[in-house]
């Protein structure tokens, strides 16, 4: 992260999910990113073992993982 941000930076986060099928395999990724210059840099993600939307517990787990790595005080929005 030091390549992009100083150690006191505060970030806007993005959350997105993508789901596609590769043969018989369902690939479903819930991703958390940091907004940077009009782009999102992925920093945490979860592979969901199902098709379709994520649920609240899965989203909370992803944000909690981010906070355990970077700290909640880094979140601007």
PDB file of N, CA and C in Angstrom:
ATOM      1  N   UNK A   1       0.816  -1.183   0.000  1.00  0.00           N
ATOM      2  CA  UNK A   1       0.000   0.000   0.000  1.00  0.00           C
ATOM      3  C   UNK A   1       0.867   1.258   0.000  1.00  0.00           C
ATOM      4  N   UNK A   2       2.077   1.129   0.471  1.00  0.00           N
ATOM      5  CA  UNK A   2       2.980   2.270   0.504  1.00  0.00           C
ATOM      6  C   UNK A   2       3.311   2.818  -0.874  1.00  0.00           C
ATOM      7  N   UNK A   3       3.098   2.030  -1.923  1.00  0.00           N
ATOM      8  CA  UNK A   3       3.339   2.518  -3.279  1.00  0.00           C
ATOM      9  C   UNK A   3       2.318   3.566  -3.699  1.00  0.00           C
ATOM     10  N   UNK A   4       1.108   3.493  -3.149  1.00  0.00           N
ATOM     11  CA  UNK A   4       0.030   4.378  -3.554  1.00  0.00           C
ATOM     12  C   UNK A   4      -0.297   5.462  -2.524  1.00  0.00           C
ATOM     13  N   UNK A   5      -0.148   5.157  -1.243  1.00  0.00           N
ATOM     14  CA  UNK A   5      -0.689   6.024  -0.201  1.00  0.00           C
ATOM     15  C   UNK A   5       0.339   6.287   0.889  1.00  0.00           C
ATOM     16  N   UNK A   6       0.194   7.431   1.554  1.00  0.00           N
ATOM     17  CA  UNK A   6       1.009   7.661   2.733  1.00  0.00           C
ATOM     18  C   UNK A   6       0.376   6.934   3.915  1.00  0.00           C
ATOM     19  N   UNK A   7       1.081   6.830   4.996  1.00  0.00           N
ATOM     20  CA  UNK A   7       0.622   5.991   6.115  1.00  0.00           C
ATOM     21  C   UNK A   7      -0.568   6.571   6.872  1.00  0.00           C
ATOM     22  N   UNK A   8      -0.950   7.814   6.583  1.00  0.00           N
ATOM     23  CA  UNK A   8      -2.086   8.431   7.263  1.00  0.00           C
ATOM     24  C   UNK A   8      -3.285   8.640   6.332  1.00  0.00           C
ATOM     25  N   UNK A   9      -3.256   8.057   5.170  1.00  0.00           N
ATOM     26  CA  UNK A   9      -4.333   8.237   4.192  1.00  0.00           C
ATOM     27  C   UNK A   9      -5.643   7.662   4.718  1.00  0.00           C
ATOM     28  N   UNK A  10      -6.742   8.300   4.300  1.00  0.00           N
ATOM     29  CA  UNK A  10      -8.085   7.807   4.579  1.00  0.00           C
ATOM     30  C   UNK A  10      -8.723   7.477   3.233  1.00  0.00           C
ATOM     31  N   UNK A  11      -9.485   6.385   3.169  1.00  0.00           N
ATOM     32  CA  UNK A  11      -9.936   5.866   1.887  1.00  0.00           C
ATOM     33  C   UNK A  11     -11.446   5.735   1.784  1.00  0.00           C
ATOM     34  N   UNK A  12     -11.940   5.946   0.559  1.00  0.00           N
ATOM     35  CA  UNK A  12     -13.286   5.537   0.200  1.00  0.00           C
ATOM     36  C   UNK A  12     -13.184   4.105  -0.315  1.00  0.00           C
ATOM     37  N   UNK A  13     -14.095   3.264   0.137  1.00  0.00           N
ATOM     38  CA  UNK A  13     -14.074   1.858  -0.256  1.00  0.00           C
ATOM     39  C   UNK A  13     -15.190   1.570  -1.257  1.00  0.00           C
ATOM     40  N   UNK A  14     -14.955   0.576  -2.078  1.00  0.00           N
ATOM     41  CA  UNK A  14     -15.966   0.069  -2.998  1.00  0.00           C
ATOM     42  C   UNK A  14     -16.196  -1.399  -2.682  1.00  0.00           C
ATOM     43  N   UNK A  15     -17.410  -1.871  -2.959  1.00  0.00           N
ATOM     44  CA  UNK A  15     -17.698  -3.298  -2.820  1.00  0.00           C
ATOM     45  C   UNK A  15     -18.468  -3.722  -4.064  1.00  0.00           C
ATOM     46  N   UNK A  16     -18.032  -4.817  -4.643  1.00  0.00           N
ATOM     47  CA  UNK A  16     -18.670  -5.310  -5.850  1.00  0.00           C
ATOM     48  C   UNK A  16     -18.613  -6.831  -5.837  1.00  0.00           C
ATOM     49  N   UNK A  17     -19.510  -7.431  -6.592  1.00  0.00           N
ATOM     50  CA  UNK A  17     -19.536  -8.879  -6.708  1.00  0.00           C
ATOM     51  C   UNK A  17     -19.667  -9.230  -8.179  1.00  0.00           C
ATOM     52  N   UNK A  18     -18.962 -10.256  -8.582  1.00  0.00           N
ATOM     53  CA  UNK A  18     -19.076 -10.755  -9.948  1.00  0.00           C
ATOM     54  C   UNK A  18     -19.330 -12.251  -9.887  1.00  0.00           C
ATOM     55  N   UNK A  19     -20.125 -12.731 -10.818  1.00  0.00           N
ATOM     56  CA  UNK A  19     -20.484 -14.145 -10.853  1.00  0.00           C
ATOM     57  C   UNK A  19     -20.516 -14.603 -12.306  1.00  0.00           C
ATOM     58  N   UNK A  20     -19.767 -15.623 -12.626  1.00  0.00           N
ATOM     59  CA  UNK A  20     -19.827 -16.189 -13.957  1.00  0.00           C
ATOM     60  C   UNK A  20     -19.623 -17.689 -13.877  1.00  0.00           C
ATOM     61  N   UNK A  21     -19.908 -18.347 -14.966  1.00  0.00           N
ATOM     62  CA  UNK A  21     -19.818 -19.799 -15.034  1.00  0.00           C
ATOM     63  C   UNK A  21     -18.699 -20.172 -15.996  1.00  0.00           C
ATOM     64  N   UNK A  22     -17.851 -21.102 -15.559  1.00  0.00           N
ATOM     65  CA  UNK A  22     -16.758 -21.627 -16.390  1.00  0.00           C
ATOM     66  C   UNK A  22     -16.958 -23.140 -16.450  1.00  0.00           C
ATOM     67  N   UNK A  23     -17.549 -23.600 -17.543  1.00  0.00           N
ATOM     68  CA  UNK A  23     -17.934 -25.006 -17.615  1.00  0.00           C
ATOM     69  C   UNK A  23     -19.009 -25.279 -16.574  1.00  0.00           C
ATOM     70  N   UNK A  24     -18.776 -26.234 -15.691  1.00  0.00           N
ATOM     71  CA  UNK A  24     -19.710 -26.534 -14.609  1.00  0.00           C
ATOM     72  C   UNK A  24     -19.399 -25.773 -13.335  1.00  0.00           C
ATOM     73  N   UNK A  25     -18.341 -24.981 -13.353  1.00  0.00           N
ATOM     74  CA  UNK A  25     -17.883 -24.277 -12.163  1.00  0.00           C
ATOM     75  C   UNK A  25     -18.499 -22.879 -12.077  1.00  0.00           C
ATOM     76  N   UNK A  26     -19.108 -22.570 -10.932  1.00  0.00           N
ATOM     77  CA  UNK A  26     -19.590 -21.214 -10.662  1.00  0.00           C
ATOM     78  C   UNK A  26     -18.479 -20.443  -9.974  1.00  0.00           C
ATOM     79  N   UNK A  27     -18.131 -19.296 -10.520  1.00  0.00           N
ATOM     80  CA  UNK A  27     -17.116 -18.433  -9.933  1.00  0.00           C
ATOM     81  C   UNK A  27     -17.838 -17.175  -9.459  1.00  0.00           C
ATOM     82  N   UNK A  28     -17.790 -16.936  -8.166  1.00  0.00           N
ATOM     83  CA  UNK A  28     -18.521 -15.830  -7.562  1.00  0.00           C
ATOM     84  C   UNK A  28     -17.586 -15.140  -6.568  1.00  0.00           C
ATOM     85  N   UNK A  29     -17.192 -13.911  -6.869  1.00  0.00           N
ATOM     86  CA  UNK A  29     -16.203 -13.200  -6.055  1.00  0.00           C
ATOM     87  C   UNK A  29     -16.824 -11.922  -5.499  1.00  0.00           C
ATOM     88  N   UNK A  30     -16.723 -11.752  -4.185  1.00  0.00           N
ATOM     89  CA  UNK A  30     -17.095 -10.517  -3.512  1.00  0.00           C
ATOM     90  C   UNK A  30     -15.807  -9.765  -3.243  1.00  0.00           C
ATOM     91  N   UNK A  31     -15.708  -8.526  -3.730  1.00  0.00           N
ATOM     92  CA  UNK A  31     -14.447  -7.791  -3.715  1.00  0.00           C
ATOM     93  C   UNK A  31     -14.607  -6.456  -3.008  1.00  0.00           C
ATOM     94  N   UNK A  32     -13.604  -6.099  -2.199  1.00  0.00           N
ATOM     95  CA  UNK A  32     -13.543  -4.792  -1.546  1.00  0.00           C
ATOM     96  C   UNK A  32     -12.328  -4.067  -2.101  1.00  0.00           C
ATOM     97  N   UNK A  33     -12.541  -2.826  -2.542  1.00  0.00           N
ATOM     98  CA  UNK A  33     -11.454  -2.060  -3.129  1.00  0.00           C
ATOM     99  C   UNK A  33     -11.337  -0.676  -2.516  1.00  0.00           C
ATOM    100  N   UNK A  34     -10.207  -0.046  -2.761  1.00  0.00           N
ATOM    101  CA  UNK A  34      -9.947   1.330  -2.343  1.00  0.00           C
ATOM    102  C   UNK A  34     -10.018   2.209  -3.584  1.00  0.00           C
ATOM    103  N   UNK A  35     -10.807   3.288  -3.516  1.00  0.00           N
ATOM    104  CA  UNK A  35     -10.908   4.228  -4.635  1.00  0.00           C
ATOM    105  C   UNK A  35      -9.606   5.006  -4.760  1.00  0.00           C
ATOM    106  N   UNK A  36      -9.093   5.060  -5.975  1.00  0.00           N
ATOM    107  CA  UNK A  36      -7.848   5.780  -6.233  1.00  0.00           C
ATOM    108  C   UNK A  36      -7.847   6.290  -7.667  1.00  0.00           C
ATOM    109  N   UNK A  37      -7.877   7.608  -7.820  1.00  0.00           N
ATOM    110  CA  UNK A  37      -7.818   8.256  -9.137  1.00  0.00           C
ATOM    111  C   UNK A  37      -8.845   7.682 -10.109  1.00  0.00           C
ATOM    112  N   UNK A  38     -10.084   7.547  -9.650  1.00  0.00           N
ATOM    113  CA  UNK A  38     -11.165   7.079 -10.504  1.00  0.00           C
ATOM    114  C   UNK A  38     -11.196   5.582 -10.733  1.00  0.00           C
ATOM    115  N   UNK A  39     -10.379   4.841 -10.036  1.00  0.00           N
ATOM    116  CA  UNK A  39     -10.322   3.380 -10.156  1.00  0.00           C
ATOM    117  C   UNK A  39     -10.450   2.762  -8.769  1.00  0.00           C
ATOM    118  N   UNK A  40     -10.724   1.470  -8.727  1.00  0.00           N
ATOM    119  CA  UNK A  40     -10.759   0.743  -7.461  1.00  0.00           C
ATOM    120  C   UNK A  40      -9.600  -0.253  -7.449  1.00  0.00           C
ATOM    121  N   UNK A  41      -8.796  -0.177  -6.420  1.00  0.00           N
ATOM    122  CA  UNK A  41      -7.683  -1.113  -6.233  1.00  0.00           C
ATOM    123  C   UNK A  41      -8.184  -2.219  -5.320  1.00  0.00           C
ATOM    124  N   UNK A  42      -8.295  -3.462  -5.810  1.00  0.00           N
ATOM    125  CA  UNK A  42      -8.798  -4.544  -4.958  1.00  0.00           C
ATOM    126  C   UNK A  42      -7.811  -4.853  -3.832  1.00  0.00           C
ATOM    127  N   UNK A  43      -8.351  -4.949  -2.616  1.00  0.00           N
ATOM    128  CA  UNK A  43      -7.491  -5.235  -1.463  1.00  0.00           C
ATOM    129  C   UNK A  43      -7.948  -6.446  -0.664  1.00  0.00           C
ATOM    130  N   UNK A  44      -9.227  -6.761  -0.672  1.00  0.00           N
ATOM    131  CA  UNK A  44      -9.751  -7.937   0.028  1.00  0.00           C
ATOM    132  C   UNK A  44     -10.849  -8.554  -0.826  1.00  0.00           C
ATOM    133  N   UNK A  45     -10.939  -9.866  -0.820  1.00  0.00           N
ATOM    134  CA  UNK A  45     -11.991 -10.529  -1.575  1.00  0.00           C
ATOM    135  C   UNK A  45     -12.302 -11.870  -0.947  1.00  0.00           C
ATOM    136  N   UNK A  46     -13.494 -12.353  -1.282  1.00  0.00           N
ATOM    137  CA  UNK A  46     -13.954 -13.670  -0.829  1.00  0.00           C
ATOM    138  C   UNK A  46     -14.532 -14.408  -2.014  1.00  0.00           C
ATOM    139  N   UNK A  47     -14.196 -15.674  -2.110  1.00  0.00           N
ATOM    140  CA  UNK A  47     -14.817 -16.543  -3.097  1.00  0.00           C
ATOM    141  C   UNK A  47     -16.076 -17.098  -2.442  1.00  0.00           C
ATOM    142  N   UNK A  48     -17.236 -16.804  -3.032  1.00  0.00           N
ATOM    143  CA  UNK A  48     -18.495 -17.290  -2.480  1.00  0.00           C
ATOM    144  C   UNK A  48     -18.813 -18.645  -3.093  1.00  0.00           C
ATOM    145  N   UNK A  49     -19.144 -19.587  -2.262  1.00  0.00           N
ATOM    146  CA  UNK A  49     -19.395 -20.957  -2.710  1.00  0.00           C
ATOM    147  C   UNK A  49     -20.871 -21.123  -3.078  1.00  0.00           C
ATOM    148  N   UNK A  50     -21.349 -20.247  -3.982  1.00  0.00           N
ATOM    149  CA  UNK A  50     -22.743 -20.275  -4.409  1.00  0.00           C
ATOM    150  C   UNK A  50     -22.910 -19.353  -5.604  1.00  0.00           C
ATOM    151  N   UNK A  51     -24.080 -19.434  -6.241  1.00  0.00           N
ATOM    152  CA  UNK A  51     -24.435 -18.478  -7.280  1.00  0.00           C
ATOM    153  C   UNK A  51     -25.173 -17.317  -6.618  1.00  0.00           C
ATOM    154  N   UNK A  52     -25.210 -16.181  -7.287  1.00  0.00           N
ATOM    155  CA  UNK A  52     -26.055 -15.087  -6.851  1.00  0.00           C
ATOM    156  C   UNK A  52     -25.420 -14.140  -5.854  1.00  0.00           C
ATOM    157  N   UNK A  53     -26.282 -13.357  -5.229  1.00  0.00           N
ATOM    158  CA  UNK A  53     -25.860 -12.260  -4.378  1.00  0.00           C
ATOM    159  C   UNK A  53     -25.175 -12.702  -3.100  1.00  0.00           C
ATOM    160  N   UNK A  54     -24.380 -11.774  -2.555  1.00  0.00           N
ATOM    161  CA  UNK A  54     -23.809 -11.971  -1.222  1.00  0.00           C
ATOM    162  C   UNK A  54     -24.885 -11.613  -0.195  1.00  0.00           C
ATOM    163  N   UNK A  55     -24.676 -12.061   1.040  1.00  0.00           N
ATOM    164  CA  UNK A  55     -25.604 -11.683   2.100  1.00  0.00           C
ATOM    165  C   UNK A  55     -24.889 -10.750   3.076  1.00  0.00           C
ATOM    166  N   UNK A  56     -25.632 -10.240   4.025  1.00  0.00           N
ATOM    167  CA  UNK A  56     -25.090  -9.262   4.970  1.00  0.00           C
ATOM    168  C   UNK A  56     -23.903  -9.824   5.743  1.00  0.00           C
ATOM    169  N   UNK A  57     -23.995 -11.062   6.202  1.00  0.00           N
ATOM    170  CA  UNK A  57     -22.903 -11.672   6.977  1.00  0.00           C
ATOM    171  C   UNK A  57     -21.619 -11.752   6.151  1.00  0.00           C
ATOM    172  N   UNK A  58     -21.733 -12.085   4.867  1.00  0.00           N
ATOM    173  CA  UNK A  58     -20.553 -12.168   3.998  1.00  0.00           C
ATOM    174  C   UNK A  58     -19.923 -10.790   3.791  1.00  0.00           C
ATOM    175  N   UNK A  59     -20.759  -9.772   3.648  1.00  0.00           N
ATOM    176  CA  UNK A  59     -20.235  -8.408   3.465  1.00  0.00           C
ATOM    177  C   UNK A  59     -19.588  -7.899   4.751  1.00  0.00           C
ATOM    178  N   UNK A  60     -20.202  -8.187   5.890  1.00  0.00           N
ATOM    179  CA  UNK A  60     -19.623  -7.782   7.181  1.00  0.00           C
ATOM    180  C   UNK A  60     -18.278  -8.452   7.385  1.00  0.00           C
ATOM    181  N   UNK A  61     -18.174  -9.731   7.055  1.00  0.00           N
ATOM    182  CA  UNK A  61     -16.909 -10.461   7.215  1.00  0.00           C
ATOM    183  C   UNK A  61     -15.813  -9.840   6.369  1.00  0.00           C
ATOM    184  N   UNK A  62     -16.148  -9.428   5.156  1.00  0.00           N
ATOM    185  CA  UNK A  62     -15.157  -8.834   4.265  1.00  0.00           C
ATOM    186  C   UNK A  62     -14.673  -7.486   4.801  1.00  0.00           C
ATOM    187  N   UNK A  63     -15.590  -6.645   5.246  1.00  0.00           N
ATOM    188  CA  UNK A  63     -15.205  -5.339   5.800  1.00  0.00           C
ATOM    189  C   UNK A  63     -14.428  -5.533   7.107  1.00  0.00           C
ATOM    190  N   UNK A  64     -14.824  -6.507   7.912  1.00  0.00           N
ATOM    191  CA  UNK A  64     -14.098  -6.791   9.158  1.00  0.00           C
ATOM    192  C   UNK A  64     -12.668  -7.225   8.872  1.00  0.00           C
ATOM    193  N   UNK A  65     -12.482  -8.021   7.831  1.00  0.00           N
ATOM    194  CA  UNK A  65     -11.129  -8.441   7.453  1.00  0.00           C
ATOM    195  C   UNK A  65     -10.292  -7.228   7.037  1.00  0.00           C
ATOM    196  N   UNK A  66     -10.898  -6.324   6.250  1.00  0.00           N
ATOM    197  CA  UNK A  66     -10.202  -5.093   5.869  1.00  0.00           C
ATOM    198  C   UNK A  66      -9.775  -4.317   7.120  1.00  0.00           C
ATOM    199  N   UNK A  67     -10.694  -4.143   8.073  1.00  0.00           N
ATOM    200  CA  UNK A  67     -10.394  -3.377   9.281  1.00  0.00           C
ATOM    201  C   UNK A  67      -9.319  -4.035  10.129  1.00  0.00           C
ATOM    202  N   UNK A  68      -9.262  -5.362  10.136  1.00  0.00           N
ATOM    203  CA  UNK A  68      -8.222  -6.034  10.914  1.00  0.00           C
ATOM    204  C   UNK A  68      -6.839  -5.845  10.293  1.00  0.00           C
ATOM    205  N   UNK A  69      -6.790  -5.618   8.985  1.00  0.00           N
ATOM    206  CA  UNK A  69      -5.512  -5.405   8.295  1.00  0.00           C
ATOM    207  C   UNK A  69      -5.106  -3.933   8.340  1.00  0.00           C
ATOM    208  N   UNK A  70      -6.045  -3.029   8.006  1.00  0.00           N
ATOM    209  CA  UNK A  70      -5.722  -1.621   7.820  1.00  0.00           C
ATOM    210  C   UNK A  70      -6.210  -0.715   8.947  1.00  0.00           C
ATOM    211  N   UNK A  71      -7.181  -1.160   9.727  1.00  0.00           N
ATOM    212  CA  UNK A  71      -7.768  -0.355  10.796  1.00  0.00           C
ATOM    213  C   UNK A  71      -8.993   0.398  10.330  1.00  0.00           C
ATOM    214  N   UNK A  72     -10.007   0.483  11.194  1.00  0.00           N
ATOM    215  CA  UNK A  72     -11.246   1.153  10.801  1.00  0.00           C
ATOM    216  C   UNK A  72     -11.062   2.657  10.655  1.00  0.00           C
ATOM    217  N   UNK A  73     -10.062   3.230  11.320  1.00  0.00           N
ATOM    218  CA  UNK A  73      -9.844   4.672  11.224  1.00  0.00           C
ATOM    219  C   UNK A  73      -9.395   5.115   9.837  1.00  0.00           C
ATOM    220  N   UNK A  74      -8.993   4.175   8.982  1.00  0.00           N
ATOM    221  CA  UNK A  74      -8.570   4.507   7.607  1.00  0.00           C
ATOM    222  C   UNK A  74      -9.750   4.685   6.656  1.00  0.00           C
ATOM    223  N   UNK A  75     -10.945   4.260   7.082  1.00  0.00           N
ATOM    224  CA  UNK A  75     -12.123   4.319   6.211  1.00  0.00           C
ATOM    225  C   UNK A  75     -12.720   5.717   6.252  1.00  0.00           C
ATOM    226  N   UNK A  76     -12.761   6.352   5.086  1.00  0.00           N
ATOM    227  CA  UNK A  76     -13.365   7.680   4.966  1.00  0.00           C
ATOM    228  C   UNK A  76     -14.828   7.569   4.575  1.00  0.00           C
ATOM    229  N   UNK A  77     -15.138   6.558   3.813  1.00  0.00           N
ATOM    230  CA  UNK A  77     -16.523   6.346   3.394  1.00  0.00           C
ATOM    231  C   UNK A  77     -16.684   5.102   2.589  1.00  0.00           C
TER     232      UNK A  77
END
